[in-house]
PDB file of N, CA and C in Angstrom:
ATOM      1  N   MET A   1       2.082  19.290  -6.850  1.00  0.00           N
ATOM      2  CA  MET A   1       2.838  18.556  -7.376  1.00  0.00           C
ATOM      3  C   MET A   1       4.401  19.061  -7.040  1.00  0.00           C
ATOM      4  N   THR A   2       5.329  17.938  -6.792  1.00  0.00           N
ATOM      5  CA  THR A   2       6.711  18.491  -6.394  1.00  0.00           C
ATOM      6  C   THR A   2       7.436  18.210  -7.745  1.00  0.00           C
ATOM      7  N   ASP A   3       8.578  18.848  -7.665  1.00  0.00           N
ATOM      8  CA  ASP A   3       9.502  18.661  -8.693  1.00  0.00           C
ATOM      9  C   ASP A   3       9.923  17.338  -9.049  1.00  0.00           C
ATOM     10  N   ARG A   4       9.947  16.625  -8.225  1.00  0.00           N
ATOM     11  CA  ARG A   4      10.388  15.089  -8.315  1.00  0.00           C
ATOM     12  C   ARG A   4       9.379  14.361  -8.999  1.00  0.00           C
ATOM     13  N   ASP A   5       8.156  14.569  -8.984  1.00  0.00           N
ATOM     14  CA  ASP A   5       6.735  14.161  -9.418  1.00  0.00           C
ATOM     15  C   ASP A   5       6.915  14.771 -10.983  1.00  0.00           C
ATOM     16  N   LEU A   6       7.032  15.897 -11.360  1.00  0.00           N
ATOM     17  CA  LEU A   6       7.105  16.498 -12.558  1.00  0.00           C
ATOM     18  C   LEU A   6       8.384  15.801 -13.452  1.00  0.00           C
ATOM     19  N   ILE A   7       9.525  15.654 -12.741  1.00  0.00           N
ATOM     20  CA  ILE A   7      10.640  15.109 -13.400  1.00  0.00           C
ATOM     21  C   ILE A   7      10.259  13.534 -13.842  1.00  0.00           C
ATOM     22  N   ALA A   8       9.446  12.822 -12.858  1.00  0.00           N
ATOM     23  CA  ALA A   8       9.248  11.401 -13.091  1.00  0.00           C
ATOM     24  C   ALA A   8       8.178  11.393 -14.452  1.00  0.00           C
ATOM     25  N   GLN A   9       7.210  12.428 -14.551  1.00  0.00           N
ATOM     26  CA  GLN A   9       6.343  12.447 -15.535  1.00  0.00           C
ATOM     27  C   GLN A   9       6.955  12.487 -16.858  1.00  0.00           C
ATOM     28  N   LEU A  10       8.142  13.434 -16.883  1.00  0.00           N
ATOM     29  CA  LEU A  10       8.928  13.837 -17.960  1.00  0.00           C
ATOM     30  C   LEU A  10       9.580  12.570 -18.508  1.00  0.00           C
ATOM     31  N   GLU A  11      10.070  11.729 -17.639  1.00  0.00           N
ATOM     32  CA  GLU A  11      10.673  10.403 -17.906  1.00  0.00           C
ATOM     33  C   GLU A  11       9.856   9.369 -18.373  1.00  0.00           C
ATOM     34  N   GLY A  12       8.516   9.522 -18.444  1.00  0.00           N
ATOM     35  CA  GLY A  12       7.556   8.586 -18.882  1.00  0.00           C
ATOM     36  C   GLY A  12       6.963   7.959 -17.647  1.00  0.00           C
ATOM     37  N   TYR A  13       7.096   8.208 -16.516  1.00  0.00           N
ATOM     38  CA  TYR A  13       6.404   7.799 -15.348  1.00  0.00           C
ATOM     39  C   TYR A  13       4.938   8.265 -15.293  1.00  0.00           C
ATOM     40  N   GLY A  14       3.995   7.417 -14.778  1.00  0.00           N
ATOM     41  CA  GLY A  14       2.694   7.907 -14.784  1.00  0.00           C
ATOM     42  C   GLY A  14       2.167   7.310 -13.304  1.00  0.00           C
ATOM     43  N   LEU A  15       1.195   7.884 -12.830  1.00  0.00           N
ATOM     44  CA  LEU A  15       0.625   7.773 -11.392  1.00  0.00           C
ATOM     45  C   LEU A  15      -0.064   6.204 -11.624  1.00  0.00           C
ATOM     46  N   THR A  16       0.342   5.385 -10.592  1.00  0.00           N
ATOM     47  CA  THR A  16      -0.028   4.086 -10.542  1.00  0.00           C
ATOM     48  C   THR A  16      -0.751   4.053  -9.162  1.00  0.00           C
ATOM     49  N   THR A  17      -1.923   3.246  -9.245  1.00  0.00           N
ATOM     50  CA  THR A  17      -2.695   3.206  -8.009  1.00  0.00           C
ATOM     51  C   THR A  17      -2.850   1.405  -7.826  1.00  0.00           C
ATOM     52  N   ALA A  18      -2.412   1.217  -6.567  1.00  0.00           N
ATOM     53  CA  ALA A  18      -2.728  -0.356  -6.458  1.00  0.00           C
ATOM     54  C   ALA A  18      -3.658  -0.693  -5.237  1.00  0.00           C
ATOM     55  N   GLU A  19      -4.549  -1.369  -5.380  1.00  0.00           N
ATOM     56  CA  GLU A  19      -5.430  -1.900  -4.223  1.00  0.00           C
ATOM     57  C   GLU A  19      -4.891  -3.196  -3.884  1.00  0.00           C
ATOM     58  N   VAL A  20      -4.374  -3.202  -2.562  1.00  0.00           N
ATOM     59  CA  VAL A  20      -3.719  -4.306  -2.136  1.00  0.00           C
ATOM     60  C   VAL A  20      -4.795  -5.027  -1.069  1.00  0.00           C
ATOM     61  N   HIS A  21      -5.089  -6.183  -1.204  1.00  0.00           N
ATOM     62  CA  HIS A  21      -6.042  -6.958  -0.299  1.00  0.00           C
ATOM     63  C   HIS A  21      -5.229  -7.864   0.307  1.00  0.00           C
ATOM     64  N   TYR A  22      -5.315  -7.824   1.729  1.00  0.00           N
ATOM     65  CA  TYR A  22      -4.540  -8.845   2.538  1.00  0.00           C
ATOM     66  C   TYR A  22      -5.243  -9.290   3.828  1.00  0.00           C
ATOM     67  N   TYR A  23      -4.759 -10.240   4.341  1.00  0.00           N
ATOM     68  CA  TYR A  23      -5.274 -10.799   5.548  1.00  0.00           C
ATOM     69  C   TYR A  23      -4.008 -10.615   6.726  1.00  0.00           C
ATOM     70  N   ARG A  24      -4.632 -10.015   7.765  1.00  0.00           N
ATOM     71  CA  ARG A  24      -3.574  -9.628   8.972  1.00  0.00           C
ATOM     72  C   ARG A  24      -3.667 -10.963   9.752  1.00  0.00           C
ATOM     73  N   PRO A  25      -2.348 -11.162  10.457  1.00  0.00           N
ATOM     74  CA  PRO A  25      -2.133 -12.411  11.078  1.00  0.00           C
ATOM     75  C   PRO A  25      -3.132 -12.511  12.405  1.00  0.00           C
ATOM     76  N   ASP A  26      -3.508 -11.183  12.914  1.00  0.00           N
ATOM     77  CA  ASP A  26      -4.317 -11.512  14.188  1.00  0.00           C
ATOM     78  C   ASP A  26      -5.775 -11.545  13.808  1.00  0.00           C
ATOM     79  N   ALA A  27      -6.288 -11.441  12.600  1.00  0.00           N
ATOM     80  CA  ALA A  27      -7.606 -11.503  12.187  1.00  0.00           C
ATOM     81  C   ALA A  27      -7.663 -12.233  10.740  1.00  0.00           C
ATOM     82  N   PRO A  28      -7.252 -13.627  10.614  1.00  0.00           N
ATOM     83  CA  PRO A  28      -7.096 -14.110   9.367  1.00  0.00           C
ATOM     84  C   PRO A  28      -8.490 -14.305   8.585  1.00  0.00           C
ATOM     85  N   SER A  29      -9.593 -14.114   9.246  1.00  0.00           N
ATOM     86  CA  SER A  29     -10.750 -14.269   8.436  1.00  0.00           C
ATOM     87  C   SER A  29     -11.460 -12.818   7.869  1.00  0.00           C
ATOM     88  N   LEU A  30     -10.694 -11.843   8.160  1.00  0.00           N
ATOM     89  CA  LEU A  30     -10.941 -10.410   7.810  1.00  0.00           C
ATOM     90  C   LEU A  30     -10.029 -10.152   6.473  1.00  0.00           C
ATOM     91  N   LEU A  31     -10.805  -9.723   5.369  1.00  0.00           N
ATOM     92  CA  LEU A  31      -9.899  -9.191   4.259  1.00  0.00           C
ATOM     93  C   LEU A  31      -9.725  -7.588   4.422  1.00  0.00           C
ATOM     94  N   GLN A  32      -8.716  -7.262   4.463  1.00  0.00           N
ATOM     95  CA  GLN A  32      -8.309  -5.811   4.715  1.00  0.00           C
ATOM     96  C   GLN A  32      -7.992  -5.064   3.164  1.00  0.00           C
ATOM     97  N   LEU A  33      -7.957  -3.794   3.131  1.00  0.00           N
ATOM     98  CA  LEU A  33      -7.591  -3.140   1.888  1.00  0.00           C
ATOM     99  C   LEU A  33      -6.486  -2.034   2.220  1.00  0.00           C
ATOM    100  N   PHE A  34      -5.642  -1.854   1.432  1.00  0.00           N
ATOM    101  CA  PHE A  34      -4.643  -0.973   1.614  1.00  0.00           C
ATOM    102  C   PHE A  34      -4.373  -0.209   0.229  1.00  0.00           C
ATOM    103  N   VAL A  35      -4.319   0.975   0.013  1.00  0.00           N
ATOM    104  CA  VAL A  35      -4.270   1.657  -1.174  1.00  0.00           C
ATOM    105  C   VAL A  35      -3.151   2.281  -1.248  1.00  0.00           C
ATOM    106  N   TRP A  36      -2.323   1.967  -2.303  1.00  0.00           N
ATOM    107  CA  TRP A  36      -0.902   2.568  -2.680  1.00  0.00           C
ATOM    108  C   TRP A  36      -0.836   3.416  -3.903  1.00  0.00           C
ATOM    109  N   GLN A  37      -0.198   4.392  -3.841  1.00  0.00           N
ATOM    110  CA  GLN A  37      -0.119   5.370  -5.105  1.00  0.00           C
ATOM    111  C   GLN A  37       1.432   5.839  -5.171  1.00  0.00           C
ATOM    112  N   GLU A  38       1.937   5.576  -6.313  1.00  0.00           N
ATOM    113  CA  GLU A  38       3.304   6.124  -6.716  1.00  0.00           C
ATOM    114  C   GLU A  38       3.296   6.314  -8.309  1.00  0.00           C
ATOM    115  N   TYR A  39       4.392   7.061  -8.441  1.00  0.00           N
ATOM    116  CA  TYR A  39       4.634   7.170 -10.162  1.00  0.00           C
ATOM    117  C   TYR A  39       5.549   5.989 -10.513  1.00  0.00           C
ATOM    118  N   ASP A  40       5.056   5.381 -11.517  1.00  0.00           N
ATOM    119  CA  ASP A  40       5.839   4.005 -11.897  1.00  0.00           C
ATOM    120  C   ASP A  40       5.810   3.924 -13.414  1.00  0.00           C
ATOM    121  N   LEU A  41       6.390   3.037 -13.973  1.00  0.00           N
ATOM    122  CA  LEU A  41       6.416   2.892 -15.470  1.00  0.00           C
ATOM    123  C   LEU A  41       5.607   1.544 -15.637  1.00  0.00           C
ATOM    124  N   ALA A  42       4.462   1.745 -16.748  1.00  0.00           N
ATOM    125  CA  ALA A  42       3.643   0.695 -17.256  1.00  0.00           C
ATOM    126  C   ALA A  42       4.381   0.124 -18.372  1.00  0.00           C
ATOM    127  N   PRO A  43       4.108  -1.218 -18.737  1.00  0.00           N
ATOM    128  CA  PRO A  43       3.591  -2.273 -18.003  1.00  0.00           C
ATOM    129  C   PRO A  43       4.354  -2.918 -17.067  1.00  0.00           C
ATOM    130  N   ASP A  44       5.828  -2.550 -16.908  1.00  0.00           N
ATOM    131  CA  ASP A  44       6.591  -3.537 -15.982  1.00  0.00           C
ATOM    132  C   ASP A  44       6.499  -3.175 -14.536  1.00  0.00           C
ATOM    133  N   PHE A  45       6.191  -1.938 -14.114  1.00  0.00           N
ATOM    134  CA  PHE A  45       5.744  -1.576 -12.890  1.00  0.00           C
ATOM    135  C   PHE A  45       6.804  -1.948 -11.769  1.00  0.00           C
ATOM    136  N   PRO A  46       8.171  -1.458 -12.022  1.00  0.00           N
ATOM    137  CA  PRO A  46       9.097  -1.736 -11.216  1.00  0.00           C
ATOM    138  C   PRO A  46       9.025  -1.197  -9.558  1.00  0.00           C
ATOM    139  N   VAL A  47       8.405  -0.157  -9.459  1.00  0.00           N
ATOM    140  CA  VAL A  47       8.340   0.643  -8.024  1.00  0.00           C
ATOM    141  C   VAL A  47       7.356  -0.346  -7.342  1.00  0.00           C
ATOM    142  N   LEU A  48       6.210  -0.580  -8.072  1.00  0.00           N
ATOM    143  CA  LEU A  48       5.268  -1.479  -7.372  1.00  0.00           C
ATOM    144  C   LEU A  48       5.734  -2.790  -7.000  1.00  0.00           C
ATOM    145  N   PHE A  49       6.458  -3.456  -7.976  1.00  0.00           N
ATOM    146  CA  PHE A  49       6.844  -4.675  -7.438  1.00  0.00           C
ATOM    147  C   PHE A  49       8.058  -4.732  -6.570  1.00  0.00           C
ATOM    148  N   GLU A  50       8.865  -3.725  -6.436  1.00  0.00           N
ATOM    149  CA  GLU A  50       9.678  -3.461  -5.259  1.00  0.00           C
ATOM    150  C   GLU A  50       8.855  -3.392  -3.901  1.00  0.00           C
ATOM    151  N   PHE A  51       7.757  -2.599  -3.995  1.00  0.00           N
ATOM    152  CA  PHE A  51       7.023  -2.300  -2.806  1.00  0.00           C
ATOM    153  C   PHE A  51       6.420  -3.750  -2.422  1.00  0.00           C
ATOM    154  N   LEU A  52       5.813  -4.580  -3.335  1.00  0.00           N
ATOM    155  CA  LEU A  52       5.213  -5.865  -3.221  1.00  0.00           C
ATOM    156  C   LEU A  52       6.320  -6.804  -2.550  1.00  0.00           C
ATOM    157  N   ASP A  53       7.407  -6.691  -3.156  1.00  0.00           N
ATOM    158  CA  ASP A  53       8.530  -7.626  -2.638  1.00  0.00           C
ATOM    159  C   ASP A  53       8.753  -7.194  -1.098  1.00  0.00           C
ATOM    160  N   HIS A  54       9.003  -5.910  -0.942  1.00  0.00           N
ATOM    161  CA  HIS A  54       9.239  -5.536   0.610  1.00  0.00           C
ATOM    162  C   HIS A  54       8.029  -5.949   1.396  1.00  0.00           C
ATOM    163  N   TRP A  55       6.857  -5.902   1.003  1.00  0.00           N
ATOM    164  CA  TRP A  55       5.590  -6.372   1.699  1.00  0.00           C
ATOM    165  C   TRP A  55       5.837  -7.923   2.015  1.00  0.00           C
ATOM    166  N   ARG A  56       6.122  -8.676   1.147  1.00  0.00           N
ATOM    167  CA  ARG A  56       6.285 -10.086   1.356  1.00  0.00           C
ATOM    168  C   ARG A  56       7.374 -10.542   2.380  1.00  0.00           C
ATOM    169  N   ARG A  57       8.478  -9.504   2.429  1.00  0.00           N
ATOM    170  CA  ARG A  57       9.703  -9.945   3.038  1.00  0.00           C
ATOM    171  C   ARG A  57       9.460  -9.271   4.698  1.00  0.00           C
ATOM    172  N   LYS A  58       8.984  -8.378   4.823  1.00  0.00           N
ATOM    173  CA  LYS A  58       8.871  -7.466   6.057  1.00  0.00           C
ATOM    174  C   LYS A  58       7.599  -7.497   6.843  1.00  0.00           C
ATOM    175  N   ILE A  59       6.396  -7.528   6.143  1.00  0.00           N
ATOM    176  CA  ILE A  59       5.231  -7.463   6.721  1.00  0.00           C
ATOM    177  C   ILE A  59       4.660  -8.800   6.804  1.00  0.00           C
ATOM    178  N   GLU A  60       3.852  -9.160   8.148  1.00  0.00           N
ATOM    179  CA  GLU A  60       3.572 -10.397   8.416  1.00  0.00           C
ATOM    180  C   GLU A  60       2.023 -10.698   7.812  1.00  0.00           C
ATOM    181  N   ALA A  61       1.446  -9.587   7.195  1.00  0.00           N
ATOM    182  CA  ALA A  61       0.220  -9.768   6.623  1.00  0.00           C
ATOM    183  C   ALA A  61       0.482 -10.479   5.282  1.00  0.00           C
ATOM    184  N   SER A  62      -0.393 -11.531   4.894  1.00  0.00           N
ATOM    185  CA  SER A  62      -0.339 -12.249   3.595  1.00  0.00           C
ATOM    186  C   SER A  62      -1.263 -11.578   2.631  1.00  0.00           C
ATOM    187  N   LEU A  63      -0.695 -11.398   1.507  1.00  0.00           N
ATOM    188  CA  LEU A  63      -1.440 -10.929   0.412  1.00  0.00           C
ATOM    189  C   LEU A  63      -2.410 -11.607  -0.123  1.00  0.00           C
ATOM    190  N   HIS A  64      -3.744 -11.237  -0.486  1.00  0.00           N
ATOM    191  CA  HIS A  64      -4.655 -11.846  -1.150  1.00  0.00           C
ATOM    192  C   HIS A  64      -4.730 -11.533  -2.670  1.00  0.00           C
ATOM    193  N   SER A  65      -4.655 -10.246  -3.099  1.00  0.00           N
ATOM    194  CA  SER A  65      -4.802  -9.911  -4.284  1.00  0.00           C
ATOM    195  C   SER A  65      -4.455  -8.594  -4.526  1.00  0.00           C
ATOM    196  N   VAL A  66      -3.835  -8.020  -5.621  1.00  0.00           N
ATOM    197  CA  VAL A  66      -3.437  -6.732  -6.024  1.00  0.00           C
ATOM    198  C   VAL A  66      -4.216  -6.352  -7.406  1.00  0.00           C
ATOM    199  N   ARG A  67      -4.872  -5.118  -7.312  1.00  0.00           N
ATOM    200  CA  ARG A  67      -5.535  -4.555  -8.513  1.00  0.00           C
ATOM    201  C   ARG A  67      -4.808  -3.217  -8.745  1.00  0.00           C
ATOM    202  N   ILE A  68      -4.423  -3.243 -10.087  1.00  0.00           N
ATOM    203  CA  ILE A  68      -3.524  -2.183 -10.543  1.00  0.00           C
ATOM    204  C   ILE A  68      -4.249  -1.298 -11.511  1.00  0.00           C
ATOM    205  N   ALA A  69      -4.075   0.229 -11.330  1.00  0.00           N
ATOM    206  CA  ALA A  69      -4.610   0.986 -12.267  1.00  0.00           C
ATOM    207  C   ALA A  69      -3.398   2.148 -12.627  1.00  0.00           C
ATOM    208  N   HIS A  70      -3.391   2.465 -13.924  1.00  0.00           N
ATOM    209  CA  HIS A  70      -2.296   3.418 -14.226  1.00  0.00           C
ATOM    210  C   HIS A  70      -2.916   4.205 -15.268  1.00  0.00           C
ATOM    211  N   ASP A  71      -2.384   5.398 -15.408  1.00  0.00           N
ATOM    212  CA  ASP A  71      -3.020   6.283 -16.414  1.00  0.00           C
ATOM    213  C   ASP A  71      -2.782   5.813 -17.936  1.00  0.00           C
ATOM    214  N   ARG A  72      -1.728   5.101 -18.101  1.00  0.00           N
ATOM    215  CA  ARG A  72      -1.443   4.687 -19.633  1.00  0.00           C
ATOM    216  C   ARG A  72      -2.417   3.345 -19.843  1.00  0.00           C
ATOM    217  N   LEU A  73      -2.967   2.673 -18.721  1.00  0.00           N
ATOM    218  CA  LEU A  73      -3.800   1.577 -18.978  1.00  0.00           C
ATOM    219  C   LEU A  73      -5.197   1.963 -19.177  1.00  0.00           C
ATOM    220  N   ILE A  74      -5.556   2.942 -18.322  1.00  0.00           N
ATOM    221  CA  ILE A  74      -6.949   3.482 -18.671  1.00  0.00           C
ATOM    222  C   ILE A  74      -6.991   4.951 -19.218  1.00  0.00           C
ATOM    223  N   ARG A  75      -7.290   4.984 -20.295  1.00  0.00           N
ATOM    224  CA  ARG A  75      -7.432   6.412 -20.819  1.00  0.00           C
ATOM    225  C   ARG A  75      -8.495   6.440 -22.086  1.00  0.00           C
ATOM    226  N   PRO A  76      -9.168   7.465 -22.337  1.00  0.00           N
ATOM    227  CA  PRO A  76     -10.099   7.457 -23.393  1.00  0.00           C
ATOM    228  C   PRO A  76      -9.403   7.247 -24.838  1.00  0.00           C
ATOM    229  N   ALA A  77     -10.369   6.514 -25.563  1.00  0.00           N
ATOM    230  CA  ALA A  77      -9.672   6.057 -26.976  1.00  0.00           C
ATOM    231  C   ALA A  77      -9.217   7.302 -27.673  1.00  0.00           C
ATOM    232  N   GLU A  78      -8.117   7.045 -28.476  1.00  0.00           N
ATOM    233  CA  GLU A  78      -7.629   8.291 -29.352  1.00  0.00           C
ATOM    234  C   GLU A  78      -8.475   8.359 -30.485  1.00  0.00           C
ATOM    235  N   TRP A  79      -8.438   9.540 -30.803  1.00  0.00           N
ATOM    236  CA  TRP A  79      -9.246   9.784 -32.150  1.00  0.00           C
ATOM    237  C   TRP A  79      -8.597  11.026 -32.925  1.00  0.00           C
ATOM    238  N   ARG A  80      -8.889  11.125 -34.136  1.00  0.00           N
ATOM    239  CA  ARG A  80      -8.210  12.246 -34.918  1.00  0.00           C
ATOM    240  C   ARG A  80      -9.288  12.663 -35.913  1.00  0.00           C
ATOM    241  N   ALA A  81      -9.175  14.085 -35.957  1.00  0.00           N
ATOM    242  CA  ALA A  81     -10.383  14.736 -37.111  1.00  0.00           C
ATOM    243  C   ALA A  81      -9.888  14.407 -38.565  1.00  0.00           C
ATOM    244  N   VAL A  82     -10.832  14.033 -39.219  1.00  0.00           N
ATOM    245  CA  VAL A  82     -10.551  13.792 -40.786  1.00  0.00           C
ATOM    246  C   VAL A  82     -11.270  14.576 -41.587  1.00  0.00           C
ATOM    247  N   ASP A  83     -10.577  15.262 -42.474  1.00  0.00           N
ATOM    248  CA  ASP A  83     -11.314  16.111 -43.423  1.00  0.00           C
ATOM    249  C   ASP A  83     -12.122  15.257 -44.461  1.00  0.00           C
ATOM    250  N   GLY A  84     -13.280  15.612 -44.828  1.00  0.00           N
ATOM    251  CA  GLY A  84     -13.895  14.692 -45.954  1.00  0.00           C
ATOM    252  C   GLY A  84     -15.307  14.439 -45.465  1.00  0.00           C
ATOM    253  N   ILE A  85     -16.032  14.008 -46.150  1.00  0.00           N
ATOM    254  CA  ILE A  85     -17.523  13.471 -46.176  1.00  0.00           C
ATOM    255  C   ILE A  85     -17.690  12.104 -46.280  1.00  0.00           C
ATOM    256  N   ILE A  86     -18.259  11.298 -45.480  1.00  0.00           N
ATOM    257  CA  ILE A  86     -18.556   9.962 -45.565  1.00  0.00           C
ATOM    258  C   ILE A  86     -20.052   9.800 -45.718  1.00  0.00           C
ATOM    259  N   PRO A  87     -20.401   9.115 -46.960  1.00  0.00           N
ATOM    260  CA  PRO A  87     -21.838   9.157 -47.044  1.00  0.00           C
ATOM    261  C   PRO A  87     -22.355   7.876 -46.507  1.00  0.00           C
ATOM    262  N   LEU A  88     -23.437   7.920 -45.802  1.00  0.00           N
ATOM    263  CA  LEU A  88     -24.112   6.749 -45.312  1.00  0.00           C
ATOM    264  C   LEU A  88     -25.471   6.447 -45.925  1.00  0.00           C
ATOM    265  N   GLN A  89     -25.724   5.255 -46.157  1.00  0.00           N
ATOM    266  CA  GLN A  89     -26.953   5.072 -46.969  1.00  0.00           C
ATOM    267  C   GLN A  89     -27.940   4.368 -46.038  1.00  0.00           C
TER     268      GLN A  89
END
């Protein structure tokens, strides 16, 4: 982990993974997959949307779909210990 990554995490950024499915212009019948990872802010994802905007403007491959995973979107349920006894009948 670099210092930049640590600073991003301290500012509230979390690791975002995006599966970008796209069609290449030379093989329009084949669906391709590109995996992208960067630290980003959920749920607005400004870094991801900047990347996707760049993709639409500069890359000739047309987007099919994008699937997003972020550490704040996927995590175990929160729980807390409670002192006491709960009788079950």
